[in-house]
Amino acid sequence: MNEDILSVVYLLLVLALILPGFIYKNRNKKTLFNNFIIWFVIIGVTIILFKFLFN
């Protein structure tokens, strides 16, 4: 369980480092929204694959 918590903390820290540049680069709201959807799909698929493959 501790490794799961540590993984989440690392993910949040990486997100905190990347997010400001991501928002600055995507000033147009439509582009920003489309990119967020793409990233949510990528992260969702990754989480689902890890749940099925490593459980």
N, C-alpha and C. Protein backbone atom coordinates (compact mmCIF):
# COMPACT_ATOMS: atom_id res chain seq x y z
N MET A 1 0.82 -1.20 0.00
CA MET A 1 0.00 0.00 0.00
C MET A 1 0.86 1.26 0.00
N ASN A 2 1.99 1.24 0.67
CA ASN A 2 2.84 2.41 0.72
C ASN A 2 3.42 2.76 -0.65
N GLU A 3 3.70 1.73 -1.46
CA GLU A 3 4.21 1.98 -2.80
C GLU A 3 3.15 2.65 -3.67
N ASP A 4 1.89 2.30 -3.48
CA ASP A 4 0.80 2.93 -4.22
C ASP A 4 0.71 4.41 -3.86
N ILE A 5 0.81 4.72 -2.60
CA ILE A 5 0.74 6.11 -2.16
C ILE A 5 1.93 6.89 -2.71
N LEU A 6 3.10 6.31 -2.68
CA LEU A 6 4.30 6.96 -3.19
C LEU A 6 4.19 7.21 -4.69
N SER A 7 3.60 6.28 -5.42
CA SER A 7 3.40 6.46 -6.86
C SER A 7 2.47 7.62 -7.14
N VAL A 8 1.41 7.74 -6.36
CA VAL A 8 0.46 8.84 -6.53
C VAL A 8 1.14 10.17 -6.23
N VAL A 9 1.96 10.21 -5.20
CA VAL A 9 2.67 11.43 -4.84
C VAL A 9 3.62 11.83 -5.97
N TYR A 10 4.36 10.88 -6.52
CA TYR A 10 5.25 11.17 -7.65
C TYR A 10 4.47 11.69 -8.86
N LEU A 11 3.34 11.08 -9.15
CA LEU A 11 2.52 11.52 -10.27
C LEU A 11 2.04 12.95 -10.06
N LEU A 12 1.60 13.27 -8.86
CA LEU A 12 1.12 14.62 -8.57
C LEU A 12 2.26 15.64 -8.65
N LEU A 13 3.45 15.28 -8.20
CA LEU A 13 4.59 16.20 -8.29
C LEU A 13 5.00 16.45 -9.73
N VAL A 14 4.99 15.41 -10.55
CA VAL A 14 5.31 15.59 -11.97
C VAL A 14 4.24 16.46 -12.63
N LEU A 15 2.99 16.23 -12.27
CA LEU A 15 1.90 17.04 -12.81
C LEU A 15 2.06 18.50 -12.40
N ALA A 16 2.47 18.75 -11.17
CA ALA A 16 2.67 20.12 -10.70
C ALA A 16 3.81 20.80 -11.46
N LEU A 17 4.80 20.05 -11.89
CA LEU A 17 5.90 20.63 -12.67
C LEU A 17 5.50 20.91 -14.12
N ILE A 18 4.69 20.05 -14.69
CA ILE A 18 4.35 20.15 -16.11
C ILE A 18 3.16 21.07 -16.36
N LEU A 19 2.22 21.11 -15.45
CA LEU A 19 0.94 21.81 -15.67
C LEU A 19 1.10 23.30 -16.00
N PRO A 20 1.92 24.08 -15.31
CA PRO A 20 2.01 25.51 -15.67
C PRO A 20 2.47 25.75 -17.12
N GLY A 21 3.46 25.01 -17.56
CA GLY A 21 3.92 25.14 -18.94
C GLY A 21 2.87 24.68 -19.93
N PHE A 22 2.14 23.65 -19.57
CA PHE A 22 1.08 23.11 -20.42
C PHE A 22 -0.02 24.15 -20.61
N ILE A 23 -0.42 24.80 -19.52
CA ILE A 23 -1.47 25.82 -19.60
C ILE A 23 -0.98 27.05 -20.36
N TYR A 24 0.27 27.44 -20.13
CA TYR A 24 0.83 28.59 -20.84
C TYR A 24 0.89 28.33 -22.34
N LYS A 25 1.26 27.13 -22.72
CA LYS A 25 1.39 26.77 -24.12
C LYS A 25 0.03 26.71 -24.83
N ASN A 26 -1.02 26.38 -24.08
CA ASN A 26 -2.36 26.20 -24.65
C ASN A 26 -3.29 27.31 -24.16
N ARG A 27 -2.99 28.53 -24.57
CA ARG A 27 -3.80 29.67 -24.11
C ARG A 27 -5.21 29.64 -24.66
N ASN A 28 -5.39 29.13 -25.86
CA ASN A 28 -6.71 29.02 -26.45
C ASN A 28 -7.50 27.96 -25.70
N LYS A 29 -8.69 28.30 -25.21
CA LYS A 29 -9.46 27.38 -24.37
C LYS A 29 -9.87 26.12 -25.10
N LYS A 30 -10.18 26.23 -26.39
CA LYS A 30 -10.58 25.04 -27.15
C LYS A 30 -9.40 24.06 -27.26
N THR A 31 -8.22 24.57 -27.56
CA THR A 31 -7.03 23.73 -27.65
C THR A 31 -6.71 23.11 -26.31
N LEU A 32 -6.81 23.91 -25.24
CA LEU A 32 -6.55 23.42 -23.90
C LEU A 32 -7.51 22.29 -23.54
N PHE A 33 -8.79 22.48 -23.83
CA PHE A 33 -9.79 21.46 -23.52
C PHE A 33 -9.53 20.17 -24.29
N ASN A 34 -9.20 20.29 -25.57
CA ASN A 34 -8.90 19.10 -26.38
C ASN A 34 -7.68 18.36 -25.85
N ASN A 35 -6.64 19.11 -25.46
CA ASN A 35 -5.44 18.47 -24.93
C ASN A 35 -5.70 17.80 -23.59
N PHE A 36 -6.52 18.42 -22.73
CA PHE A 36 -6.89 17.78 -21.47
C PHE A 36 -7.63 16.47 -21.70
N ILE A 37 -8.53 16.46 -22.67
CA ILE A 37 -9.27 15.23 -22.98
C ILE A 37 -8.30 14.14 -23.43
N ILE A 38 -7.37 14.50 -24.30
CA ILE A 38 -6.39 13.51 -24.78
C ILE A 38 -5.58 12.96 -23.62
N TRP A 39 -5.11 13.83 -22.72
CA TRP A 39 -4.30 13.37 -21.59
C TRP A 39 -5.12 12.52 -20.62
N PHE A 40 -6.38 12.87 -20.38
CA PHE A 40 -7.22 12.05 -19.50
C PHE A 40 -7.43 10.67 -20.09
N VAL A 41 -7.60 10.58 -21.40
CA VAL A 41 -7.76 9.28 -22.05
C VAL A 41 -6.47 8.46 -21.92
N ILE A 42 -5.32 9.09 -22.16
CA ILE A 42 -4.04 8.39 -22.06
C ILE A 42 -3.82 7.87 -20.64
N ILE A 43 -4.05 8.72 -19.65
CA ILE A 43 -3.86 8.32 -18.26
C ILE A 43 -4.87 7.25 -17.86
N GLY A 44 -6.10 7.39 -18.31
CA GLY A 44 -7.13 6.39 -17.99
C GLY A 44 -6.80 5.02 -18.57
N VAL A 45 -6.38 4.99 -19.82
CA VAL A 45 -6.01 3.72 -20.45
C VAL A 45 -4.82 3.10 -19.74
N THR A 46 -3.85 3.92 -19.37
CA THR A 46 -2.67 3.42 -18.66
C THR A 46 -3.06 2.82 -17.32
N ILE A 47 -3.92 3.49 -16.58
CA ILE A 47 -4.35 2.97 -15.28
C ILE A 47 -5.12 1.67 -15.44
N ILE A 48 -6.00 1.60 -16.42
CA ILE A 48 -6.77 0.39 -16.65
C ILE A 48 -5.85 -0.77 -17.04
N LEU A 49 -4.88 -0.51 -17.91
CA LEU A 49 -3.94 -1.57 -18.31
C LEU A 49 -3.13 -2.08 -17.11
N PHE A 50 -2.66 -1.16 -16.28
CA PHE A 50 -1.89 -1.58 -15.10
C PHE A 50 -2.76 -2.39 -14.13
N LYS A 51 -4.03 -2.01 -14.01
CA LYS A 51 -4.92 -2.75 -13.10
C LYS A 51 -5.12 -4.18 -13.60
N PHE A 52 -5.30 -4.35 -14.91
CA PHE A 52 -5.56 -5.68 -15.44
C PHE A 52 -4.29 -6.52 -15.57
N LEU A 53 -3.19 -5.90 -15.91
CA LEU A 53 -1.95 -6.65 -16.16
C LEU A 53 -1.18 -7.01 -14.89
N PHE A 54 -1.25 -6.15 -13.88
CA PHE A 54 -0.41 -6.35 -12.70
C PHE A 54 -1.20 -6.67 -11.45
N ASN A 55 -2.42 -7.13 -11.58
CA ASN A 55 -3.21 -7.58 -10.42
C ASN A 55 -3.26 -9.06 -10.33
